[in-house]
Amino acid sequence: AEEVKARYTRVVWCAVGPEEQKKCQQWSQQSGQNVTCATASTTDDCIVLVL
């Protein structure tokens, strides 16, 4: 149950490109690190990373 709860309280956001990565890092800081940033070169690669 705790593992499931932890999964839903943490967000993995995938950014394509440096500008999106910068936005994600700012969001992560403001969320108290509840947002984890991933980076990929394409949106298809992002989908693979967050699933």
PDB file of N, CA and C in Angstrom:
ATOM      1  N   ALA A   1       0.816  -1.200   0.000  1.00  0.00           N
ATOM      2  CA  ALA A   1       0.000   0.000   0.000  1.00  0.00           C
ATOM      3  C   ALA A   1       0.858   1.262   0.000  1.00  0.00           C
ATOM      4  N   GLU A   2       1.929   1.265   0.797  1.00  0.00           N
ATOM      5  CA  GLU A   2       2.812   2.442   0.835  1.00  0.00           C
ATOM      6  C   GLU A   2       3.510   2.655  -0.506  1.00  0.00           C
ATOM      7  N   GLU A   3       3.870   1.564  -1.153  1.00  0.00           N
ATOM      8  CA  GLU A   3       4.538   1.660  -2.457  1.00  0.00           C
ATOM      9  C   GLU A   3       3.615   2.295  -3.492  1.00  0.00           C
ATOM     10  N   VAL A   4       2.362   1.914  -3.464  1.00  0.00           N
ATOM     11  CA  VAL A   4       1.379   2.482  -4.390  1.00  0.00           C
ATOM     12  C   VAL A   4       1.165   3.954  -4.079  1.00  0.00           C
ATOM     13  N   LYS A   5       1.042   4.291  -2.809  1.00  0.00           N
ATOM     14  CA  LYS A   5       0.855   5.688  -2.405  1.00  0.00           C
ATOM     15  C   LYS A   5       2.039   6.538  -2.863  1.00  0.00           C
ATOM     16  N   ALA A   6       3.253   6.033  -2.692  1.00  0.00           N
ATOM     17  CA  ALA A   6       4.453   6.769  -3.105  1.00  0.00           C
ATOM     18  C   ALA A   6       4.452   6.998  -4.609  1.00  0.00           C
ATOM     19  N   ARG A   7       3.986   6.025  -5.359  1.00  0.00           N
ATOM     20  CA  ARG A   7       3.947   6.151  -6.821  1.00  0.00           C
ATOM     21  C   ARG A   7       3.021   7.278  -7.255  1.00  0.00           C
ATOM     22  N   TYR A   8       1.912   7.457  -6.547  1.00  0.00           N
ATOM     23  CA  TYR A   8       0.949   8.479  -6.932  1.00  0.00           C
ATOM     24  C   TYR A   8       1.267   9.854  -6.365  1.00  0.00           C
ATOM     25  N   THR A   9       2.195   9.958  -5.440  1.00  0.00           N
ATOM     26  CA  THR A   9       2.562  11.267  -4.912  1.00  0.00           C
ATOM     27  C   THR A   9       3.774  11.841  -5.634  1.00  0.00           C
ATOM     28  N   ARG A  10       4.392  11.050  -6.506  1.00  0.00           N
ATOM     29  CA  ARG A  10       5.559  11.507  -7.245  1.00  0.00           C
ATOM     30  C   ARG A  10       5.212  11.545  -8.726  1.00  0.00           C
ATOM     31  N   VAL A  11       5.586  12.610  -9.387  1.00  0.00           N
ATOM     32  CA  VAL A  11       5.313  12.779 -10.815  1.00  0.00           C
ATOM     33  C   VAL A  11       6.626  12.690 -11.577  1.00  0.00           C
ATOM     34  N   VAL A  12       6.642  11.913 -12.646  1.00  0.00           N
ATOM     35  CA  VAL A  12       7.790  11.882 -13.553  1.00  0.00           C
ATOM     36  C   VAL A  12       7.373  12.638 -14.806  1.00  0.00           C
ATOM     37  N   TRP A  13       8.089  13.721 -15.079  1.00  0.00           N
ATOM     38  CA  TRP A  13       7.787  14.562 -16.232  1.00  0.00           C
ATOM     39  C   TRP A  13       8.943  14.438 -17.213  1.00  0.00           C
ATOM     40  N   CYS A  14       8.635  14.210 -18.464  1.00  0.00           N
ATOM     41  CA  CYS A  14       9.678  14.080 -19.476  1.00  0.00           C
ATOM     42  C   CYS A  14       9.721  15.332 -20.339  1.00  0.00           C
ATOM     43  N   ALA A  15      10.906  15.864 -20.484  1.00  0.00           N
ATOM     44  CA  ALA A  15      11.119  17.085 -21.255  1.00  0.00           C
ATOM     45  C   ALA A  15      11.865  16.757 -22.546  1.00  0.00           C
ATOM     46  N   VAL A  16      11.432  17.404 -23.626  1.00  0.00           N
ATOM     47  CA  VAL A  16      12.128  17.293 -24.908  1.00  0.00           C
ATOM     48  C   VAL A  16      12.813  18.629 -25.149  1.00  0.00           C
ATOM     49  N   GLY A  17      14.124  18.644 -25.038  1.00  0.00           N
ATOM     50  CA  GLY A  17      14.885  19.861 -25.279  1.00  0.00           C
ATOM     51  C   GLY A  17      15.249  20.599 -24.007  1.00  0.00           C
ATOM     52  N   PRO A  18      16.251  21.470 -24.124  1.00  0.00           N
ATOM     53  CA  PRO A  18      16.783  22.167 -22.945  1.00  0.00           C
ATOM     54  C   PRO A  18      15.819  23.158 -22.296  1.00  0.00           C
ATOM     55  N   GLU A  19      14.980  23.815 -23.072  1.00  0.00           N
ATOM     56  CA  GLU A  19      14.033  24.773 -22.481  1.00  0.00           C
ATOM     57  C   GLU A  19      13.001  24.055 -21.618  1.00  0.00           C
ATOM     58  N   GLU A  20      12.491  22.940 -22.132  1.00  0.00           N
ATOM     59  CA  GLU A  20      11.519  22.158 -21.362  1.00  0.00           C
ATOM     60  C   GLU A  20      12.177  21.560 -20.119  1.00  0.00           C
ATOM     61  N   GLN A  21      13.432  21.142 -20.241  1.00  0.00           N
ATOM     62  CA  GLN A  21      14.156  20.596 -19.085  1.00  0.00           C
ATOM     63  C   GLN A  21      14.313  21.668 -18.009  1.00  0.00           C
ATOM     64  N   LYS A  22      14.606  22.885 -18.416  1.00  0.00           N
ATOM     65  CA  LYS A  22      14.751  23.988 -17.459  1.00  0.00           C
ATOM     66  C   LYS A  22      13.428  24.235 -16.725  1.00  0.00           C
ATOM     67  N   LYS A  23      12.325  24.238 -17.466  1.00  0.00           N
ATOM     68  CA  LYS A  23      11.005  24.413 -16.846  1.00  0.00           C
ATOM     69  C   LYS A  23      10.726  23.302 -15.840  1.00  0.00           C
ATOM     70  N   CYS A  24      11.059  22.080 -16.217  1.00  0.00           N
ATOM     71  CA  CYS A  24      10.813  20.943 -15.342  1.00  0.00           C
ATOM     72  C   CYS A  24      11.643  21.057 -14.061  1.00  0.00           C
ATOM     73  N   GLN A  25      12.882  21.462 -14.178  1.00  0.00           N
ATOM     74  CA  GLN A  25      13.726  21.609 -12.993  1.00  0.00           C
ATOM     75  C   GLN A  25      13.158  22.663 -12.049  1.00  0.00           C
ATOM     76  N   GLN A  26      12.643  23.753 -12.605  1.00  0.00           N
ATOM     77  CA  GLN A  26      12.022  24.786 -11.771  1.00  0.00           C
ATOM     78  C   GLN A  26      10.775  24.236 -11.086  1.00  0.00           C
ATOM     79  N   TRP A  27       9.973  23.506 -11.815  1.00  0.00           N
ATOM     80  CA  TRP A  27       8.763  22.900 -11.273  1.00  0.00           C
ATOM     81  C   TRP A  27       9.114  21.913 -10.156  1.00  0.00           C
ATOM     82  N   SER A  28      10.166  21.135 -10.378  1.00  0.00           N
ATOM     83  CA  SER A  28      10.602  20.162  -9.385  1.00  0.00           C
ATOM     84  C   SER A  28      10.996  20.852  -8.084  1.00  0.00           C
ATOM     85  N   GLN A  29      11.742  21.932  -8.185  1.00  0.00           N
ATOM     86  CA  GLN A  29      12.153  22.678  -6.993  1.00  0.00           C
ATOM     87  C   GLN A  29      10.944  23.244  -6.262  1.00  0.00           C
ATOM     88  N   GLN A  30      10.001  23.787  -6.996  1.00  0.00           N
ATOM     89  CA  GLN A  30       8.820  24.397  -6.383  1.00  0.00           C
ATOM     90  C   GLN A  30       7.878  23.358  -5.783  1.00  0.00           C
ATOM     91  N   SER A  31       7.964  22.121  -6.249  1.00  0.00           N
ATOM     92  CA  SER A  31       7.069  21.073  -5.747  1.00  0.00           C
ATOM     93  C   SER A  31       7.660  20.324  -4.562  1.00  0.00           C
ATOM     94  N   GLY A  32       8.821  20.764  -4.087  1.00  0.00           N
ATOM     95  CA  GLY A  32       9.462  20.031  -2.999  1.00  0.00           C
ATOM     96  C   GLY A  32      10.024  18.701  -3.462  1.00  0.00           C
ATOM     97  N   GLN A  33      10.480  18.657  -4.693  1.00  0.00           N
ATOM     98  CA  GLN A  33      11.065  17.472  -5.320  1.00  0.00           C
ATOM     99  C   GLN A  33      10.050  16.352  -5.553  1.00  0.00           C
ATOM    100  N   ASN A  34       8.765  16.669  -5.587  1.00  0.00           N
ATOM    101  CA  ASN A  34       7.749  15.668  -5.915  1.00  0.00           C
ATOM    102  C   ASN A  34       7.653  15.431  -7.414  1.00  0.00           C
ATOM    103  N   VAL A  35       8.320  16.279  -8.197  1.00  0.00           N
ATOM    104  CA  VAL A  35       8.376  16.099  -9.650  1.00  0.00           C
ATOM    105  C   VAL A  35       9.795  15.678 -10.002  1.00  0.00           C
ATOM    106  N   THR A  36       9.911  14.563 -10.700  1.00  0.00           N
ATOM    107  CA  THR A  36      11.204  14.081 -11.167  1.00  0.00           C
ATOM    108  C   THR A  36      11.276  14.332 -12.663  1.00  0.00           C
ATOM    109  N   CYS A  37      12.377  14.909 -13.111  1.00  0.00           N
ATOM    110  CA  CYS A  37      12.532  15.253 -14.526  1.00  0.00           C
ATOM    111  C   CYS A  37      13.309  14.169 -15.270  1.00  0.00           C
ATOM    112  N   ALA A  38      12.802  13.816 -16.422  1.00  0.00           N
ATOM    113  CA  ALA A  38      13.496  12.930 -17.348  1.00  0.00           C
ATOM    114  C   ALA A  38      13.653  13.711 -18.647  1.00  0.00           C
ATOM    115  N   THR A  39      14.666  13.381 -19.424  1.00  0.00           N
ATOM    116  CA  THR A  39      14.908  14.075 -20.685  1.00  0.00           C
ATOM    117  C   THR A  39      15.064  13.053 -21.807  1.00  0.00           C
ATOM    118  N   ALA A  40      14.463  13.349 -22.939  1.00  0.00           N
ATOM    119  CA  ALA A  40      14.599  12.493 -24.114  1.00  0.00           C
ATOM    120  C   ALA A  40      14.645  13.377 -25.353  1.00  0.00           C
ATOM    121  N   SER A  41      15.093  12.798 -26.451  1.00  0.00           N
ATOM    122  CA  SER A  41      15.229  13.590 -27.674  1.00  0.00           C
ATOM    123  C   SER A  41      13.937  13.657 -28.482  1.00  0.00           C
ATOM    124  N   THR A  42      13.004  12.744 -28.229  1.00  0.00           N
ATOM    125  CA  THR A  42      11.728  12.756 -28.951  1.00  0.00           C
ATOM    126  C   THR A  42      10.577  12.493 -27.982  1.00  0.00           C
ATOM    127  N   THR A  43       9.384  12.852 -28.411  1.00  0.00           N
ATOM    128  CA  THR A  43       8.215  12.590 -27.566  1.00  0.00           C
ATOM    129  C   THR A  43       7.977  11.087 -27.418  1.00  0.00           C
ATOM    130  N   ASP A  44       8.255  10.315 -28.451  1.00  0.00           N
ATOM    131  CA  ASP A  44       8.103   8.857 -28.345  1.00  0.00           C
ATOM    132  C   ASP A  44       9.041   8.285 -27.287  1.00  0.00           C
ATOM    133  N   ASP A  45      10.275   8.784 -27.249  1.00  0.00           N
ATOM    134  CA  ASP A  45      11.221   8.334 -26.226  1.00  0.00           C
ATOM    135  C   ASP A  45      10.749   8.743 -24.832  1.00  0.00           C
ATOM    136  N   CYS A  46      10.125   9.905 -24.725  1.00  0.00           N
ATOM    137  CA  CYS A  46       9.583  10.357 -23.439  1.00  0.00           C
ATOM    138  C   CYS A  46       8.505   9.402 -22.940  1.00  0.00           C
ATOM    139  N   ILE A  47       7.642   8.974 -23.826  1.00  0.00           N
ATOM    140  CA  ILE A  47       6.575   8.056 -23.424  1.00  0.00           C
ATOM    141  C   ILE A  47       7.168   6.786 -22.829  1.00  0.00           C
ATOM    142  N   VAL A  48       8.207   6.275 -23.445  1.00  0.00           N
ATOM    143  CA  VAL A  48       8.861   5.069 -22.938  1.00  0.00           C
ATOM    144  C   VAL A  48       9.450   5.322 -21.549  1.00  0.00           C
ATOM    145  N   LEU A  49      10.025   6.489 -21.340  1.00  0.00           N
ATOM    146  CA  LEU A  49      10.657   6.794 -20.053  1.00  0.00           C
ATOM    147  C   LEU A  49       9.670   6.910 -18.902  1.00  0.00           C
ATOM    148  N   VAL A  50       8.501   7.441 -19.142  1.00  0.00           N
ATOM    149  CA  VAL A  50       7.573   7.693 -18.037  1.00  0.00           C
ATOM    150  C   VAL A  50       6.609   6.538 -17.778  1.00  0.00           C
ATOM    151  N   LEU A  51       6.552   5.568 -18.656  1.00  0.00           N
ATOM    152  CA  LEU A  51       5.642   4.436 -18.427  1.00  0.00           C
ATOM    153  C   LEU A  51       6.291   3.327 -17.679  1.00  0.00           C
TER     154      LEU A  51
END
